[in-house]
Amino acid sequence: MPQKNTQEAPSLRIKKAELETVCGISSVFPKNSLPEFAFAGKSNVGKSSLINALMQRKSLARTSQTPGKTQTVNFYNVNDEFYFVDLPGYGFTKAAESVKAKWGKMVERYLRSSDVLRAVFLLVDMRHKPTADDVLMYEWVLSNGFHPIVIATKRDKLKKNEIPKAIKLIRETLQMEDEDILIPFSAETKVGREEIYKLIEELRGPGMTA
């Protein structure tokens, strides 16, 4: 039976959320002074839905049924306090290899050039075993000096008794350590959002808007 929609009022009040900068393959990334939180995941994993839920907006980050829609690095200014950075989706099989390679270099350039990047959230579909692309991305983020915070999306699509097994499979497949963070999330019920807010607050430091 699907889980009931039990949304609670969010603890973080979003006064401002706007798309501030869009960077393509040849763009120069902005030198922001505010903390940045990046979001990565394969195409159609629910990345835009997660970002919209965190920004408490319905469609600021564009969702699409078409894989590979996000082909740029998008910077969202939140409350003039921090940025959400939407990275291009990976695993889009119809994209030319040359294009995929350019996307990869663009993401790598961002990860290595940002002086204010606090964390990388890696999204995986909770309903399935992480793909080879998911494993590669996890290892790649590690190699760039960050411990990915894994967000297991589509939690509401699973029965309650299926969730522990799904979490165990994700952890084992990605070879996560015990201390590595995994948060189940549902764009439908917003379960997991408060945990993500708490992490952002801890990583961003003092001064967040209540």
N, C-alpha and C. Protein backbone atom coordinates (compact mmCIF):
# COMPACT_ATOMS: atom_id res chain seq x y z
N MET A 1 0.85 -1.19 0.00
CA MET A 1 0.00 0.00 0.00
C MET A 1 0.89 1.25 0.00
N PRO A 2 0.63 2.23 -0.87
CA PRO A 2 1.43 3.44 -0.90
C PRO A 2 1.36 4.17 0.43
N GLN A 3 2.44 4.87 0.77
CA GLN A 3 2.46 5.59 2.02
C GLN A 3 1.57 6.82 1.92
N LYS A 4 0.95 7.17 3.05
CA LYS A 4 0.08 8.33 3.07
C LYS A 4 0.90 9.60 2.98
N ASN A 5 0.30 10.63 2.41
CA ASN A 5 0.94 11.92 2.32
C ASN A 5 0.87 12.59 3.69
N THR A 6 2.02 12.64 4.37
CA THR A 6 2.05 13.19 5.72
C THR A 6 3.01 14.38 5.79
N GLN A 7 2.85 15.30 4.88
CA GLN A 7 3.73 16.45 4.83
C GLN A 7 3.58 17.30 6.08
N GLU A 8 4.72 17.75 6.61
CA GLU A 8 4.72 18.66 7.73
C GLU A 8 5.29 20.00 7.27
N ALA A 9 4.98 21.04 8.03
CA ALA A 9 5.52 22.35 7.68
C ALA A 9 7.05 22.31 7.75
N PRO A 10 7.74 22.79 6.72
CA PRO A 10 9.20 22.74 6.72
C PRO A 10 9.81 23.64 7.79
N SER A 11 10.93 23.21 8.35
CA SER A 11 11.58 23.99 9.40
C SER A 11 12.34 25.18 8.83
N LEU A 12 12.69 25.11 7.56
CA LEU A 12 13.42 26.19 6.91
C LEU A 12 12.47 27.01 6.05
N ARG A 13 12.42 28.30 6.31
CA ARG A 13 11.54 29.16 5.53
C ARG A 13 12.32 29.72 4.33
N ILE A 14 11.85 29.44 3.15
CA ILE A 14 12.51 29.92 1.94
C ILE A 14 11.85 31.24 1.51
N LYS A 15 12.58 32.33 1.72
CA LYS A 15 12.06 33.65 1.35
C LYS A 15 12.39 33.98 -0.10
N LYS A 16 13.50 33.45 -0.58
CA LYS A 16 13.94 33.74 -1.93
C LYS A 16 14.55 32.50 -2.55
N ALA A 17 14.19 32.20 -3.76
CA ALA A 17 14.80 31.10 -4.52
C ALA A 17 14.70 31.47 -5.99
N GLU A 18 15.84 31.65 -6.61
CA GLU A 18 15.82 32.04 -8.02
C GLU A 18 17.01 31.47 -8.77
N LEU A 19 16.77 31.19 -10.03
CA LEU A 19 17.85 30.73 -10.91
C LEU A 19 18.72 31.94 -11.23
N GLU A 20 19.95 31.92 -10.77
CA GLU A 20 20.81 33.10 -10.91
C GLU A 20 21.80 32.98 -12.05
N THR A 21 22.40 31.78 -12.24
CA THR A 21 23.42 31.62 -13.25
C THR A 21 23.26 30.27 -13.95
N VAL A 22 23.37 30.28 -15.27
CA VAL A 22 23.35 29.05 -16.06
C VAL A 22 24.66 28.96 -16.83
N CYS A 23 25.39 27.86 -16.63
CA CYS A 23 26.70 27.71 -17.26
C CYS A 23 26.70 26.54 -18.24
N GLY A 24 27.13 26.80 -19.46
CA GLY A 24 27.26 25.75 -20.45
C GLY A 24 28.67 25.19 -20.46
N ILE A 25 28.96 24.38 -21.46
CA ILE A 25 30.23 23.67 -21.53
C ILE A 25 31.43 24.61 -21.53
N SER A 26 31.32 25.76 -22.21
CA SER A 26 32.46 26.67 -22.32
C SER A 26 32.38 27.85 -21.36
N SER A 27 31.37 27.86 -20.47
CA SER A 27 31.18 29.00 -19.57
C SER A 27 32.22 29.04 -18.47
N VAL A 28 32.44 30.24 -17.97
CA VAL A 28 33.27 30.44 -16.78
C VAL A 28 32.34 30.39 -15.56
N PHE A 29 32.65 29.52 -14.61
CA PHE A 29 31.79 29.38 -13.45
C PHE A 29 31.91 30.62 -12.55
N PRO A 30 30.80 31.02 -11.92
CA PRO A 30 30.84 32.19 -11.04
C PRO A 30 31.69 31.91 -9.81
N LYS A 31 32.35 32.95 -9.32
CA LYS A 31 33.12 32.85 -8.09
C LYS A 31 32.24 33.32 -6.94
N ASN A 32 31.36 32.46 -6.49
CA ASN A 32 30.44 32.81 -5.43
C ASN A 32 31.13 32.84 -4.08
N SER A 33 30.65 33.69 -3.19
CA SER A 33 31.18 33.73 -1.83
C SER A 33 30.30 32.95 -0.87
N LEU A 34 29.04 32.68 -1.28
CA LEU A 34 28.13 31.92 -0.43
C LEU A 34 28.37 30.42 -0.62
N PRO A 35 28.07 29.60 0.39
CA PRO A 35 28.25 28.15 0.27
C PRO A 35 27.42 27.55 -0.86
N GLU A 36 27.96 26.51 -1.48
CA GLU A 36 27.27 25.82 -2.57
C GLU A 36 27.03 24.36 -2.19
N PHE A 37 25.88 23.84 -2.61
CA PHE A 37 25.53 22.44 -2.43
C PHE A 37 25.15 21.88 -3.79
N ALA A 38 25.90 20.90 -4.27
CA ALA A 38 25.69 20.38 -5.62
C ALA A 38 24.85 19.11 -5.60
N PHE A 39 24.08 18.92 -6.66
CA PHE A 39 23.20 17.76 -6.80
C PHE A 39 23.52 17.04 -8.10
N ALA A 40 23.83 15.75 -7.99
CA ALA A 40 24.17 14.94 -9.16
C ALA A 40 23.29 13.69 -9.17
N GLY A 41 23.06 13.16 -10.35
CA GLY A 41 22.25 11.94 -10.46
C GLY A 41 21.97 11.63 -11.91
N LYS A 42 21.62 10.38 -12.16
CA LYS A 42 21.33 9.99 -13.53
C LYS A 42 20.04 10.65 -14.00
N SER A 43 19.86 10.68 -15.30
CA SER A 43 18.68 11.30 -15.88
C SER A 43 17.40 10.66 -15.34
N ASN A 44 16.42 11.50 -15.02
CA ASN A 44 15.10 11.08 -14.54
C ASN A 44 15.11 10.39 -13.17
N VAL A 45 16.12 10.69 -12.35
CA VAL A 45 16.16 10.10 -11.01
C VAL A 45 15.34 10.94 -10.03
N GLY A 46 14.93 12.15 -10.45
CA GLY A 46 14.13 13.01 -9.58
C GLY A 46 14.92 14.17 -9.01
N LYS A 47 15.98 14.55 -9.70
CA LYS A 47 16.85 15.62 -9.19
C LYS A 47 16.13 16.97 -9.13
N SER A 48 15.45 17.32 -10.22
CA SER A 48 14.73 18.60 -10.24
C SER A 48 13.61 18.61 -9.20
N SER A 49 12.94 17.47 -9.04
CA SER A 49 11.87 17.38 -8.05
C SER A 49 12.41 17.58 -6.63
N LEU A 50 13.58 17.02 -6.35
CA LEU A 50 14.21 17.20 -5.04
C LEU A 50 14.57 18.67 -4.82
N ILE A 51 15.21 19.28 -5.81
CA ILE A 51 15.62 20.68 -5.66
C ILE A 51 14.41 21.57 -5.47
N ASN A 52 13.34 21.33 -6.24
CA ASN A 52 12.11 22.10 -6.06
C ASN A 52 11.54 21.93 -4.66
N ALA A 53 11.56 20.70 -4.15
CA ALA A 53 11.05 20.44 -2.81
C ALA A 53 11.86 21.19 -1.75
N LEU A 54 13.18 21.21 -1.93
CA LEU A 54 14.04 21.90 -0.97
C LEU A 54 13.85 23.42 -1.06
N MET A 55 13.60 23.92 -2.26
CA MET A 55 13.38 25.36 -2.44
C MET A 55 11.93 25.74 -2.18
N GLN A 56 11.08 24.73 -1.92
CA GLN A 56 9.66 24.94 -1.66
C GLN A 56 8.98 25.67 -2.83
N ARG A 57 9.37 25.25 -4.02
CA ARG A 57 8.79 25.78 -5.25
C ARG A 57 8.30 24.60 -6.08
N LYS A 58 7.28 24.85 -6.91
CA LYS A 58 6.71 23.76 -7.69
C LYS A 58 7.50 23.46 -8.97
N SER A 59 8.01 24.50 -9.61
CA SER A 59 8.62 24.24 -10.92
C SER A 59 9.76 25.18 -11.26
N LEU A 60 10.48 25.67 -10.24
CA LEU A 60 11.62 26.55 -10.53
C LEU A 60 12.72 25.76 -11.24
N ALA A 61 13.06 24.60 -10.68
CA ALA A 61 13.94 23.67 -11.39
C ALA A 61 13.06 22.86 -12.32
N ARG A 62 13.30 22.93 -13.61
CA ARG A 62 12.41 22.31 -14.58
C ARG A 62 12.50 20.80 -14.55
N THR A 63 11.35 20.16 -14.36
CA THR A 63 11.28 18.71 -14.45
C THR A 63 10.88 18.32 -15.86
N SER A 64 11.30 17.13 -16.28
CA SER A 64 11.00 16.71 -17.64
C SER A 64 10.94 15.20 -17.72
N GLN A 65 10.09 14.70 -18.61
CA GLN A 65 10.04 13.27 -18.88
C GLN A 65 11.11 12.87 -19.89
N THR A 66 11.80 13.86 -20.43
CA THR A 66 12.83 13.59 -21.43
C THR A 66 14.19 13.47 -20.77
N PRO A 67 14.82 12.28 -20.82
CA PRO A 67 16.12 12.11 -20.19
C PRO A 67 17.15 13.07 -20.77
N GLY A 68 18.06 13.51 -19.91
CA GLY A 68 19.14 14.36 -20.39
C GLY A 68 18.75 15.80 -20.59
N LYS A 69 17.64 16.24 -19.97
CA LYS A 69 17.15 17.60 -20.18
C LYS A 69 18.14 18.63 -19.63
N THR A 70 18.68 18.37 -18.44
CA THR A 70 19.63 19.30 -17.85
C THR A 70 21.00 19.09 -18.48
N GLN A 71 21.43 20.05 -19.30
CA GLN A 71 22.72 19.94 -19.97
C GLN A 71 23.64 21.09 -19.56
N THR A 72 23.24 21.80 -18.53
CA THR A 72 24.02 22.92 -18.04
C THR A 72 24.20 22.77 -16.53
N VAL A 73 25.09 23.60 -15.97
CA VAL A 73 25.24 23.68 -14.52
C VAL A 73 24.45 24.91 -14.08
N ASN A 74 23.41 24.68 -13.29
CA ASN A 74 22.48 25.75 -12.90
C ASN A 74 22.66 26.12 -11.43
N PHE A 75 22.83 27.41 -11.18
CA PHE A 75 23.04 27.91 -9.83
C PHE A 75 21.77 28.60 -9.33
N TYR A 76 21.19 28.08 -8.24
CA TYR A 76 19.99 28.66 -7.64
C TYR A 76 20.36 29.37 -6.35
N ASN A 77 20.07 30.66 -6.28
CA ASN A 77 20.33 31.44 -5.08
C ASN A 77 19.16 31.23 -4.11
N VAL A 78 19.48 30.78 -2.90
CA VAL A 78 18.45 30.52 -1.89
C VAL A 78 18.66 31.45 -0.70
N ASN A 79 17.70 32.34 -0.51
CA ASN A 79 17.70 33.27 0.64
C ASN A 79 18.94 34.17 0.71
N ASP A 80 19.65 34.30 -0.40
CA ASP A 80 20.92 35.04 -0.38
C ASP A 80 21.87 34.50 0.68
N GLU A 81 21.74 33.19 0.96
CA GLU A 81 22.55 32.54 1.99
C GLU A 81 23.39 31.39 1.46
N PHE A 82 22.90 30.72 0.43
CA PHE A 82 23.65 29.62 -0.16
C PHE A 82 23.10 29.32 -1.55
N TYR A 83 23.80 28.45 -2.27
CA TYR A 83 23.38 28.07 -3.62
C TYR A 83 23.12 26.58 -3.71
N PHE A 84 22.08 26.21 -4.45
CA PHE A 84 21.91 24.84 -4.92
C PHE A 84 22.44 24.80 -6.35
N VAL A 85 23.31 23.84 -6.62
CA VAL A 85 23.92 23.73 -7.94
C VAL A 85 23.46 22.43 -8.59
N ASP A 86 22.68 22.57 -9.65
CA ASP A 86 22.10 21.42 -10.36
C ASP A 86 23.07 21.02 -11.47
N LEU A 87 23.65 19.83 -11.32
CA LEU A 87 24.62 19.33 -12.30
C LEU A 87 23.91 18.52 -13.39
N PRO A 88 24.48 18.44 -14.59
CA PRO A 88 23.85 17.68 -15.69
C PRO A 88 23.64 16.22 -15.32
N GLY A 89 22.51 15.66 -15.70
CA GLY A 89 22.24 14.25 -15.46
C GLY A 89 23.17 13.37 -16.29
N TYR A 90 23.53 12.23 -15.73
CA TYR A 90 24.40 11.29 -16.45
C TYR A 90 23.62 10.03 -16.81
N GLY A 91 24.22 9.18 -17.61
CA GLY A 91 23.57 7.92 -17.98
C GLY A 91 22.54 8.07 -19.07
N PHE A 92 22.57 9.17 -19.80
CA PHE A 92 21.62 9.41 -20.89
C PHE A 92 22.16 8.72 -22.14
N THR A 93 21.61 7.55 -22.46
CA THR A 93 22.18 6.69 -23.50
C THR A 93 22.10 7.29 -24.90
N LYS A 94 21.13 8.18 -25.16
CA LYS A 94 20.97 8.70 -26.51
C LYS A 94 21.93 9.84 -26.83
N ALA A 95 22.61 10.36 -25.82
CA ALA A 95 23.56 11.44 -26.08
C ALA A 95 24.81 10.88 -26.74
N ALA A 96 25.37 11.66 -27.64
CA ALA A 96 26.61 11.24 -28.31
C ALA A 96 27.74 11.16 -27.28
N GLU A 97 28.65 10.22 -27.50
CA GLU A 97 29.76 10.03 -26.55
C GLU A 97 30.57 11.31 -26.40
N SER A 98 30.74 12.05 -27.49
CA SER A 98 31.51 13.29 -27.42
C SER A 98 30.84 14.31 -26.51
N VAL A 99 29.49 14.33 -26.58
CA VAL A 99 28.74 15.24 -25.73
C VAL A 99 28.85 14.82 -24.27
N LYS A 100 28.71 13.51 -24.02
CA LYS A 100 28.84 13.00 -22.64
C LYS A 100 30.20 13.34 -22.06
N ALA A 101 31.24 13.21 -22.88
CA ALA A 101 32.60 13.51 -22.41
C ALA A 101 32.72 14.98 -22.03
N LYS A 102 32.10 15.86 -22.82
CA LYS A 102 32.15 17.29 -22.51
C LYS A 102 31.39 17.59 -21.23
N TRP A 103 30.24 16.92 -21.03
CA TRP A 103 29.48 17.11 -19.79
C TRP A 103 30.34 16.70 -18.60
N GLY A 104 31.00 15.55 -18.73
CA GLY A 104 31.83 15.05 -17.65
C GLY A 104 32.96 16.02 -17.30
N LYS A 105 33.59 16.56 -18.32
CA LYS A 105 34.68 17.52 -18.08
C LYS A 105 34.15 18.79 -17.43
N MET A 106 32.93 19.20 -17.84
CA MET A 106 32.34 20.40 -17.25
C MET A 106 32.07 20.19 -15.77
N VAL A 107 31.51 19.04 -15.41
CA VAL A 107 31.22 18.75 -14.00
C VAL A 107 32.50 18.65 -13.20
N GLU A 108 33.50 17.98 -13.76
CA GLU A 108 34.77 17.85 -13.07
C GLU A 108 35.42 19.21 -12.85
N ARG A 109 35.32 20.07 -13.86
CA ARG A 109 35.87 21.43 -13.75
C ARG A 109 35.17 22.19 -12.63
N TYR A 110 33.87 22.00 -12.52
CA TYR A 110 33.14 22.67 -11.44
C TYR A 110 33.59 22.15 -10.07
N LEU A 111 33.64 20.82 -9.92
CA LEU A 111 34.00 20.24 -8.62
C LEU A 111 35.38 20.70 -8.17
N ARG A 112 36.28 20.86 -9.13
CA ARG A 112 37.65 21.22 -8.78
C ARG A 112 37.88 22.72 -8.66
N SER A 113 36.97 23.51 -9.21
CA SER A 113 37.20 24.96 -9.22
C SER A 113 36.45 25.70 -8.12
N SER A 114 35.37 25.11 -7.60
CA SER A 114 34.59 25.82 -6.60
C SER A 114 35.31 25.85 -5.25
N ASP A 115 35.45 27.06 -4.72
CA ASP A 115 36.10 27.22 -3.41
C ASP A 115 35.10 27.15 -2.27
N VAL A 116 33.80 27.14 -2.61
CA VAL A 116 32.77 27.21 -1.55
C VAL A 116 31.82 26.01 -1.58
N LEU A 117 32.18 24.97 -2.32
CA LEU A 117 31.34 23.78 -2.38
C LEU A 117 31.42 23.03 -1.06
N ARG A 118 30.27 22.89 -0.41
CA ARG A 118 30.24 22.24 0.91
C ARG A 118 29.94 20.74 0.84
N ALA A 119 29.13 20.33 -0.15
CA ALA A 119 28.75 18.92 -0.22
C ALA A 119 28.20 18.60 -1.60
N VAL A 120 28.32 17.33 -1.97
CA VAL A 120 27.73 16.81 -3.20
C VAL A 120 26.68 15.78 -2.81
N PHE A 121 25.43 16.04 -3.20
CA PHE A 121 24.35 15.09 -2.99
C PHE A 121 24.22 14.23 -4.25
N LEU A 122 24.34 12.93 -4.08
CA LEU A 122 24.22 12.00 -5.21
C LEU A 122 22.90 11.26 -5.10
N LEU A 123 22.06 11.41 -6.11
CA LEU A 123 20.73 10.79 -6.11
C LEU A 123 20.74 9.45 -6.81
N VAL A 124 20.11 8.46 -6.18
CA VAL A 124 19.93 7.15 -6.81
C VAL A 124 18.46 6.74 -6.63
N ASP A 125 17.96 5.96 -7.54
CA ASP A 125 16.58 5.49 -7.50
C ASP A 125 16.47 4.35 -6.50
N MET A 126 15.69 4.55 -5.45
CA MET A 126 15.59 3.58 -4.36
C MET A 126 14.95 2.26 -4.80
N ARG A 127 14.23 2.29 -5.90
CA ARG A 127 13.51 1.09 -6.34
C ARG A 127 14.42 0.05 -6.99
N HIS A 128 15.63 0.49 -7.36
CA HIS A 128 16.50 -0.40 -8.14
C HIS A 128 17.91 -0.42 -7.56
N LYS A 129 18.63 -1.45 -7.89
CA LYS A 129 20.06 -1.51 -7.55
C LYS A 129 20.78 -0.38 -8.30
N PRO A 130 21.70 0.32 -7.62
CA PRO A 130 22.44 1.37 -8.31
C PRO A 130 23.10 0.84 -9.59
N THR A 131 23.04 1.65 -10.64
CA THR A 131 23.60 1.24 -11.93
C THR A 131 25.12 1.38 -11.92
N ALA A 132 25.73 0.87 -12.96
CA ALA A 132 27.18 1.01 -13.11
C ALA A 132 27.56 2.50 -13.17
N ASP A 133 26.72 3.31 -13.81
CA ASP A 133 26.96 4.75 -13.87
C ASP A 133 26.90 5.38 -12.48
N ASP A 134 25.95 4.90 -11.65
CA ASP A 134 25.85 5.41 -10.28
C ASP A 134 27.13 5.10 -9.50
N VAL A 135 27.62 3.88 -9.65
CA VAL A 135 28.84 3.47 -8.94
C VAL A 135 30.02 4.30 -9.41
N LEU A 136 30.13 4.51 -10.72
CA LEU A 136 31.22 5.31 -11.26
C LEU A 136 31.16 6.74 -10.75
N MET A 137 29.94 7.30 -10.70
CA MET A 137 29.79 8.68 -10.23
C MET A 137 30.16 8.79 -8.76
N TYR A 138 29.74 7.81 -7.97
CA TYR A 138 30.06 7.82 -6.54
C TYR A 138 31.58 7.79 -6.36
N GLU A 139 32.24 6.90 -7.08
CA GLU A 139 33.70 6.78 -6.96
C GLU A 139 34.39 8.03 -7.48
N TRP A 140 33.82 8.61 -8.53
CA TRP A 140 34.40 9.80 -9.14
C TRP A 140 34.32 11.00 -8.21
N VAL A 141 33.19 11.16 -7.54
CA VAL A 141 33.04 12.25 -6.57
C VAL A 141 34.04 12.06 -5.42
N LEU A 142 34.19 10.81 -4.97
CA LEU A 142 35.18 10.51 -3.94
C LEU A 142 36.58 10.91 -4.38
N SER A 143 36.90 10.58 -5.63
CA SER A 143 38.24 10.87 -6.15
C SER A 143 38.49 12.37 -6.27
N ASN A 144 37.40 13.15 -6.31
CA ASN A 144 37.54 14.60 -6.38
C ASN A 144 37.52 15.26 -5.00
N GLY A 145 37.60 14.42 -3.96
CA GLY A 145 37.78 14.95 -2.62
C GLY A 145 36.52 15.15 -1.80
N PHE A 146 35.39 14.61 -2.27
CA PHE A 146 34.14 14.78 -1.52
C PHE A 146 33.54 13.42 -1.18
N HIS A 147 32.89 13.34 0.00
CA HIS A 147 32.14 12.14 0.36
C HIS A 147 30.70 12.39 -0.04
N PRO A 148 30.20 11.73 -1.08
CA PRO A 148 28.83 12.01 -1.52
C PRO A 148 27.82 11.69 -0.43
N ILE A 149 26.83 12.57 -0.29
CA ILE A 149 25.68 12.29 0.55
C ILE A 149 24.62 11.68 -0.36
N VAL A 150 24.29 10.43 -0.15
CA VAL A 150 23.40 9.71 -1.06
C VAL A 150 21.94 9.99 -0.69
N ILE A 151 21.17 10.42 -1.68
CA ILE A 151 19.74 10.61 -1.52
C ILE A 151 19.04 9.52 -2.33
N ALA A 152 18.34 8.63 -1.63
CA ALA A 152 17.61 7.55 -2.30
C ALA A 152 16.20 8.03 -2.61
N THR A 153 15.94 8.34 -3.87
CA THR A 153 14.67 8.95 -4.26
C THR A 153 13.56 7.92 -4.46
N LYS A 154 12.34 8.45 -4.58
CA LYS A 154 11.14 7.66 -4.87
C LYS A 154 10.79 6.70 -3.72
N ARG A 155 11.03 7.15 -2.50
CA ARG A 155 10.74 6.34 -1.31
C ARG A 155 9.27 5.94 -1.23
N ASP A 156 8.40 6.82 -1.70
CA ASP A 156 6.96 6.54 -1.61
C ASP A 156 6.52 5.42 -2.55
N LYS A 157 7.38 5.02 -3.47
CA LYS A 157 7.05 3.94 -4.41
C LYS A 157 7.28 2.56 -3.81
N LEU A 158 7.89 2.52 -2.63
CA LEU A 158 8.17 1.24 -1.98
C LEU A 158 7.27 1.05 -0.77
N LYS A 159 6.98 -0.21 -0.44
CA LYS A 159 6.28 -0.52 0.79
C LYS A 159 7.24 -0.34 1.96
N LYS A 160 6.68 -0.08 3.12
CA LYS A 160 7.51 0.21 4.28
C LYS A 160 8.49 -0.92 4.58
N ASN A 161 8.03 -2.17 4.41
CA ASN A 161 8.91 -3.31 4.73
C ASN A 161 9.97 -3.57 3.66
N GLU A 162 9.87 -2.86 2.52
CA GLU A 162 10.86 -3.03 1.46
C GLU A 162 12.03 -2.05 1.60
N ILE A 163 11.84 -1.01 2.42
CA ILE A 163 12.83 0.06 2.51
C ILE A 163 14.17 -0.40 3.09
N PRO A 164 14.21 -1.15 4.22
CA PRO A 164 15.51 -1.58 4.76
C PRO A 164 16.34 -2.38 3.75
N LYS A 165 15.69 -3.27 3.01
CA LYS A 165 16.41 -4.07 2.01
C LYS A 165 16.97 -3.18 0.90
N ALA A 166 16.19 -2.20 0.47
CA ALA A 166 16.63 -1.29 -0.58
C ALA A 166 17.83 -0.47 -0.13
N ILE A 167 17.79 0.00 1.12
CA ILE A 167 18.90 0.78 1.66
C ILE A 167 20.16 -0.07 1.74
N LYS A 168 20.00 -1.31 2.19
CA LYS A 168 21.14 -2.22 2.31
C LYS A 168 21.77 -2.48 0.94
N LEU A 169 20.95 -2.66 -0.08
CA LEU A 169 21.45 -2.93 -1.43
C LEU A 169 22.22 -1.73 -1.97
N ILE A 170 21.71 -0.53 -1.72
CA ILE A 170 22.40 0.68 -2.19
C ILE A 170 23.76 0.82 -1.51
N ARG A 171 23.77 0.64 -0.19
CA ARG A 171 25.02 0.77 0.56
C ARG A 171 26.06 -0.25 0.11
N GLU A 172 25.62 -1.47 -0.10
CA GLU A 172 26.55 -2.52 -0.50
C GLU A 172 27.07 -2.29 -1.92
N THR A 173 26.18 -1.89 -2.83
CA THR A 173 26.58 -1.70 -4.22
C THR A 173 27.56 -0.54 -4.37
N LEU A 174 27.32 0.53 -3.62
CA LEU A 174 28.21 1.70 -3.70
C LEU A 174 29.42 1.55 -2.78
N GLN A 175 29.44 0.47 -1.99
CA GLN A 175 30.52 0.21 -1.04
C GLN A 175 30.68 1.39 -0.07
N MET A 176 29.54 1.81 0.46
CA MET A 176 29.55 2.91 1.42
C MET A 176 30.06 2.44 2.77
N GLU A 177 30.75 3.34 3.46
CA GLU A 177 31.19 3.06 4.82
C GLU A 177 30.02 3.28 5.78
N ASP A 178 30.14 2.73 6.99
CA ASP A 178 29.06 2.85 7.97
C ASP A 178 28.72 4.31 8.27
N GLU A 179 29.75 5.17 8.28
CA GLU A 179 29.52 6.58 8.64
C GLU A 179 29.01 7.42 7.45
N ASP A 180 29.03 6.86 6.25
CA ASP A 180 28.54 7.59 5.09
C ASP A 180 27.02 7.76 5.17
N ILE A 181 26.55 8.91 4.72
CA ILE A 181 25.15 9.28 4.91
C ILE A 181 24.28 8.88 3.72
N LEU A 182 23.15 8.26 4.02
CA LEU A 182 22.14 7.91 3.02
C LEU A 182 20.78 8.35 3.56
N ILE A 183 20.06 9.14 2.77
CA ILE A 183 18.75 9.64 3.20
C ILE A 183 17.68 9.23 2.20
N PRO A 184 16.71 8.40 2.59
CA PRO A 184 15.57 8.10 1.72
C PRO A 184 14.71 9.36 1.58
N PHE A 185 14.24 9.62 0.36
CA PHE A 185 13.49 10.84 0.09
C PHE A 185 12.30 10.57 -0.82
N SER A 186 11.22 11.29 -0.57
CA SER A 186 10.05 11.22 -1.43
C SER A 186 9.64 12.63 -1.84
N ALA A 187 9.62 12.90 -3.14
CA ALA A 187 9.14 14.20 -3.63
C ALA A 187 7.65 14.35 -3.38
N GLU A 188 6.96 13.22 -3.26
CA GLU A 188 5.51 13.23 -3.07
C GLU A 188 5.13 13.62 -1.64
N THR A 189 5.75 12.97 -0.66
CA THR A 189 5.40 13.21 0.75
C THR A 189 6.37 14.14 1.46
N LYS A 190 7.51 14.43 0.82
CA LYS A 190 8.58 15.27 1.38
C LYS A 190 9.30 14.58 2.54
N VAL A 191 9.11 13.29 2.71
CA VAL A 191 9.87 12.54 3.71
C VAL A 191 11.36 12.63 3.35
N GLY A 192 12.18 12.97 4.32
CA GLY A 192 13.62 13.10 4.11
C GLY A 192 14.06 14.55 3.96
N ARG A 193 13.13 15.45 3.68
CA ARG A 193 13.51 16.85 3.46
C ARG A 193 14.12 17.48 4.71
N GLU A 194 13.52 17.20 5.87
CA GLU A 194 14.04 17.79 7.10
C GLU A 194 15.46 17.33 7.41
N GLU A 195 15.74 16.06 7.10
CA GLU A 195 17.11 15.55 7.31
C GLU A 195 18.10 16.28 6.42
N ILE A 196 17.69 16.54 5.19
CA ILE A 196 18.56 17.26 4.26
C ILE A 196 18.76 18.69 4.73
N TYR A 197 17.68 19.34 5.18
CA TYR A 197 17.80 20.70 5.73
C TYR A 197 18.79 20.73 6.89
N LYS A 198 18.70 19.74 7.77
CA LYS A 198 19.58 19.70 8.93
C LYS A 198 21.04 19.59 8.51
N LEU A 199 21.29 18.76 7.51
CA LEU A 199 22.66 18.62 7.00
C LEU A 199 23.16 19.92 6.40
N ILE A 200 22.31 20.56 5.60
CA ILE A 200 22.70 21.82 4.97
C ILE A 200 23.01 22.86 6.04
N GLU A 201 22.19 22.89 7.10
CA GLU A 201 22.42 23.84 8.18
C GLU A 201 23.76 23.59 8.86
N GLU A 202 24.07 22.32 9.09
CA GLU A 202 25.33 21.97 9.75
C GLU A 202 26.53 22.32 8.86
N LEU A 203 26.42 22.03 7.57
CA LEU A 203 27.53 22.22 6.65
C LEU A 203 27.70 23.69 6.24
N ARG A 204 26.58 24.39 6.21
CA ARG A 204 26.61 25.79 5.80
C ARG A 204 27.16 26.68 6.90
N GLY A 205 26.94 26.30 8.16
CA GLY A 205 27.43 27.09 9.27
C GLY A 205 26.35 27.99 9.83
N PRO A 206 26.69 28.86 10.78
CA PRO A 206 25.71 29.70 11.47
C PRO A 206 25.09 30.75 10.55
N GLY A 207 23.90 31.18 10.94
CA GLY A 207 23.29 32.29 10.23
C GLY A 207 22.17 31.93 9.27
N MET A 208 21.75 30.68 9.25
CA MET A 208 20.66 30.32 8.36
C MET A 208 19.35 30.90 8.86
N THR A 209 18.48 31.22 7.90
CA THR A 209 17.17 31.75 8.24
C THR A 209 16.30 30.64 8.82
N ALA A 210 15.64 30.90 9.93
CA ALA A 210 14.77 29.91 10.54
C ALA A 210 13.41 29.93 9.87
